[in-house]
Amino acid sequence: MSLSIDRLVDARRKNLRRLADQHGATRLSEMLGHKSVSFFSQMVGPKARRVVTERTARTIEQRLGLEPGWLDLDFDIHEPEA
């Protein structure tokens, strides 16, 4: 199932926030190879103004050992039970 651009951007931001909650923003920023947390904060902070691009999403997934496309998953969508 393909997400609209708006939902894709929202899913990436939510998933990065989940990772930040899990690891801490500073530690996650370090894990991603950023010396400053500001780049990361611009993507997930309360006044986020930077979009998580396709390239950035794949780089983050690779550096964290996540499956390609993991950041694109909308975990808020629940599939009906069979």
Protein backbone atom coordinates (compact mmCIF):
# COMPACT_ATOMS: atom_id res chain seq x y z
CA MET A 1 0.00 0.00 0.00
CA SER A 2 1.40 3.35 -1.03
CA LEU A 3 1.05 6.41 1.20
CA SER A 4 0.32 9.92 -0.03
CA ILE A 5 3.23 12.37 0.20
CA ASP A 6 1.72 14.09 3.25
CA ARG A 7 1.19 10.79 5.06
CA LEU A 8 4.67 9.62 4.08
CA VAL A 9 6.26 12.79 5.51
CA ASP A 10 4.15 12.40 8.65
CA ALA A 11 5.06 8.69 9.04
CA ARG A 12 8.78 9.42 8.70
CA ARG A 13 8.58 12.21 11.27
CA LYS A 14 6.60 10.07 13.73
CA ASN A 15 8.99 7.16 13.37
CA LEU A 16 12.02 9.39 13.90
CA ARG A 17 10.33 10.78 17.00
CA ARG A 18 9.78 7.23 18.25
CA LEU A 19 13.47 6.51 17.76
CA ALA A 20 14.38 9.76 19.54
CA ASP A 21 12.12 8.80 22.45
CA GLN A 22 13.78 5.39 22.57
CA HIS A 23 17.42 6.53 22.33
CA GLY A 24 17.30 10.21 23.26
CA ALA A 25 17.69 12.95 20.64
CA THR A 26 21.35 13.64 21.37
CA ARG A 27 22.35 9.97 21.30
CA LEU A 28 20.33 9.33 18.14
CA SER A 29 21.94 12.32 16.46
CA GLU A 30 25.37 10.91 17.37
CA MET A 31 24.37 7.47 16.05
CA LEU A 32 23.49 9.14 12.75
CA GLY A 33 26.89 10.80 12.57
CA HIS A 34 25.83 14.36 13.38
CA LYS A 35 27.97 16.33 15.80
CA SER A 36 25.09 18.68 16.54
CA VAL A 37 21.51 17.75 17.33
CA SER A 38 20.20 20.79 15.40
CA PHE A 39 19.88 19.03 12.01
CA PHE A 40 17.94 16.23 13.65
CA SER A 41 15.81 18.68 15.64
CA GLN A 42 14.87 20.48 12.44
CA MET A 43 13.29 17.22 11.23
CA VAL A 44 11.50 16.09 14.39
CA GLY A 45 11.38 19.00 16.84
CA PRO A 46 8.15 20.71 17.86
CA LYS A 47 8.68 23.33 15.12
CA ALA A 48 10.07 20.91 12.54
CA ARG A 49 10.82 22.73 9.33
CA ARG A 50 12.97 20.20 7.51
CA VAL A 51 11.34 17.34 5.60
CA VAL A 52 12.81 13.85 5.93
CA THR A 53 13.67 13.24 2.28
CA GLU A 54 13.91 9.85 0.60
CA ARG A 55 17.69 10.04 0.64
CA THR A 56 17.84 11.08 4.30
CA ALA A 57 15.37 8.35 5.31
CA ARG A 58 17.40 5.62 3.58
CA THR A 59 20.64 6.93 5.10
CA ILE A 60 19.12 6.93 8.59
CA GLU A 61 17.80 3.39 8.14
CA GLN A 62 21.17 2.17 6.92
CA ARG A 63 23.10 3.79 9.79
CA LEU A 64 20.69 2.37 12.38
CA GLY A 65 20.54 -1.10 10.83
CA LEU A 66 16.84 -0.81 10.00
CA GLU A 67 15.17 -2.45 7.01
CA PRO A 68 14.97 -0.14 3.96
CA GLY A 69 11.58 1.55 4.03
CA TRP A 70 11.08 1.16 7.80
CA LEU A 71 10.75 4.92 8.33
CA ASP A 72 8.00 4.99 5.69
CA LEU A 73 5.76 2.57 7.59
CA ASP A 74 2.64 4.07 9.12
CA PHE A 75 2.34 2.18 12.38
CA ASP A 76 -0.92 4.01 13.14
CA ILE A 77 -2.71 2.06 10.41
CA HIS A 78 -4.17 -1.14 11.76
CA GLU A 79 -5.04 -3.89 9.31
CA PRO A 80 -8.31 -5.69 9.96
CA GLU A 81 -7.95 -9.10 11.55
CA ALA A 82 -8.66 -12.08 9.31
